[in-house]
Amino acid sequence: MTRRPRRNHTAAFKAKVAMAALKGDKTLSELAQQFDVHPNQITDWKARLAEGAADVFGEDKAEQQQAKVDVTRMQAKIGELTLENDFLESALTKAGLLSAKR
C-alpha cells in the first residue's frame, strides 16, 4: 500500500464541502467518498465554517477599524522614539559619555 502525497485544498473547496455537510442531505461517509477527504476533516471544516459565519456579515468592522488606528498610532510613536534615541546618542557622543565604538 503506497502513501498518497499530502494534498492542500483551496479555501473554495473547503467551503464547498462544509456547506454540503451543513445541508445534511448526505451522511459524512457519503460526502467523504464524494469529495475524497476523511470524514474527520469534513467535521473540522464544518465547525470552522460555523464559527466564522458571523464574520461574513461584518459585525466586527469597528474592531478592524480600531486596529488600523492603533497601528498608525504605534508607527508614529516608533518614529518619535527613533528621533529621541538619535538625538540622545549624538548628544552623549559630543559630551564624551558615549564611546564611538558602538
Protein backbone atom coordinates (compact mmCIF):
# COMPACT_ATOMS: atom_id res chain seq x y z
CA MET A 1 0.00 0.00 0.00
CA THR A 2 1.53 3.28 -1.06
CA ARG A 3 1.05 6.54 0.73
CA ARG A 4 -0.84 9.28 -1.02
CA PRO A 5 1.04 12.59 -1.19
CA ARG A 6 -0.16 15.35 1.10
CA ARG A 7 -2.86 17.48 -0.50
CA ASN A 8 -3.58 21.15 0.07
CA HIS A 9 -7.18 22.10 -0.56
CA THR A 10 -8.25 25.57 -1.58
CA ALA A 11 -10.50 27.67 0.60
CA ALA A 12 -13.24 27.43 -2.03
CA PHE A 13 -13.13 23.62 -1.93
CA LYS A 14 -13.24 23.58 1.87
CA ALA A 15 -16.22 25.92 1.87
CA LYS A 16 -18.00 23.79 -0.72
CA VAL A 17 -17.51 20.62 1.33
CA ALA A 18 -18.51 22.32 4.60
CA MET A 19 -21.66 23.77 3.02
CA ALA A 20 -22.60 20.32 1.71
CA ALA A 21 -22.13 18.95 5.23
CA LEU A 22 -24.27 21.72 6.73
CA LYS A 23 -27.11 20.97 4.31
CA GLY A 24 -27.43 17.49 5.78
CA ASP A 25 -28.63 15.86 2.55
CA LYS A 26 -25.90 13.22 2.71
CA THR A 27 -24.07 11.46 5.52
CA LEU A 28 -20.45 12.23 6.38
CA SER A 29 -19.29 8.96 4.85
CA GLU A 30 -21.11 9.72 1.58
CA LEU A 31 -19.58 13.20 1.47
CA ALA A 32 -16.15 11.74 2.26
CA GLN A 33 -16.42 9.39 -0.70
CA GLN A 34 -17.79 12.09 -2.99
CA PHE A 35 -15.06 14.65 -2.21
CA ASP A 36 -12.30 12.11 -1.42
CA VAL A 37 -11.49 13.51 2.04
CA HIS A 38 -11.61 12.00 5.52
CA PRO A 39 -14.87 12.39 7.48
CA ASN A 40 -12.98 13.96 10.40
CA GLN A 41 -11.68 16.63 8.03
CA ILE A 42 -15.22 17.40 6.90
CA THR A 43 -16.33 17.73 10.53
CA ASP A 44 -13.45 20.13 11.22
CA TRP A 45 -14.22 22.30 8.18
CA LYS A 46 -17.91 22.32 9.12
CA ALA A 47 -17.12 23.53 12.65
CA ARG A 48 -14.75 26.22 11.36
CA LEU A 49 -17.41 27.44 8.92
CA ALA A 50 -20.00 27.62 11.71
CA GLU A 51 -17.58 29.59 13.95
CA GLY A 52 -16.62 32.06 11.24
CA ALA A 53 -20.10 32.60 9.81
CA ALA A 54 -20.67 35.75 11.91
CA ASP A 55 -17.62 37.39 10.33
CA VAL A 56 -19.23 37.17 6.91
CA PHE A 57 -21.83 39.80 7.81
CA GLY A 58 -19.24 42.31 9.02
CA GLU A 59 -20.42 42.97 12.56
CA ASP A 60 -16.82 43.41 13.71
CA LYS A 61 -15.87 46.22 11.31
CA ALA A 62 -15.50 48.64 14.23
CA GLU A 63 -12.86 46.38 15.79
CA GLN A 64 -10.96 46.12 12.49
CA GLN A 65 -11.03 49.89 12.06
CA GLN A 66 -9.84 50.36 15.65
CA ALA A 67 -6.93 48.02 14.95
CA LYS A 68 -5.91 50.13 11.94
CA VAL A 69 -5.91 53.28 14.08
CA ASP A 70 -3.76 51.58 16.70
CA VAL A 71 -1.19 50.56 14.09
CA THR A 72 -0.95 54.13 12.80
CA ARG A 73 -0.54 55.47 16.32
CA MET A 74 2.14 52.89 17.10
CA GLN A 75 4.09 53.71 13.95
CA ALA A 76 4.02 57.40 14.90
CA LYS A 77 5.30 56.52 18.37
CA ILE A 78 8.11 54.41 16.88
CA GLY A 79 9.19 57.35 14.71
CA GLU A 80 9.12 59.68 17.72
CA LEU A 81 11.22 57.31 19.83
CA THR A 82 13.72 56.83 16.99
CA LEU A 83 14.22 60.60 16.77
CA GLU A 84 14.72 60.83 20.54
CA ASN A 85 17.27 57.99 20.50
CA ASP A 86 19.21 59.56 17.64
CA PHE A 87 19.26 62.94 19.41
CA LEU A 88 20.41 61.44 22.71
CA GLU A 89 23.06 59.34 21.02
CA SER A 90 24.54 62.36 19.26
CA ALA A 91 24.36 64.49 22.43
CA LEU A 92 26.08 61.83 24.56
CA THR A 93 28.75 61.26 21.90
CA LYS A 94 29.53 65.01 21.78
CA ALA A 95 29.72 65.12 25.58
CA GLY A 96 32.16 62.18 25.56
CA LEU A 97 29.86 59.98 27.65
CA LEU A 98 29.21 57.51 24.86
CA SER A 99 32.00 55.67 23.10
CA ALA A 100 32.10 55.82 19.32
CA LYS A 101 32.76 52.05 19.08
CA ARG A 102 29.08 51.18 19.28
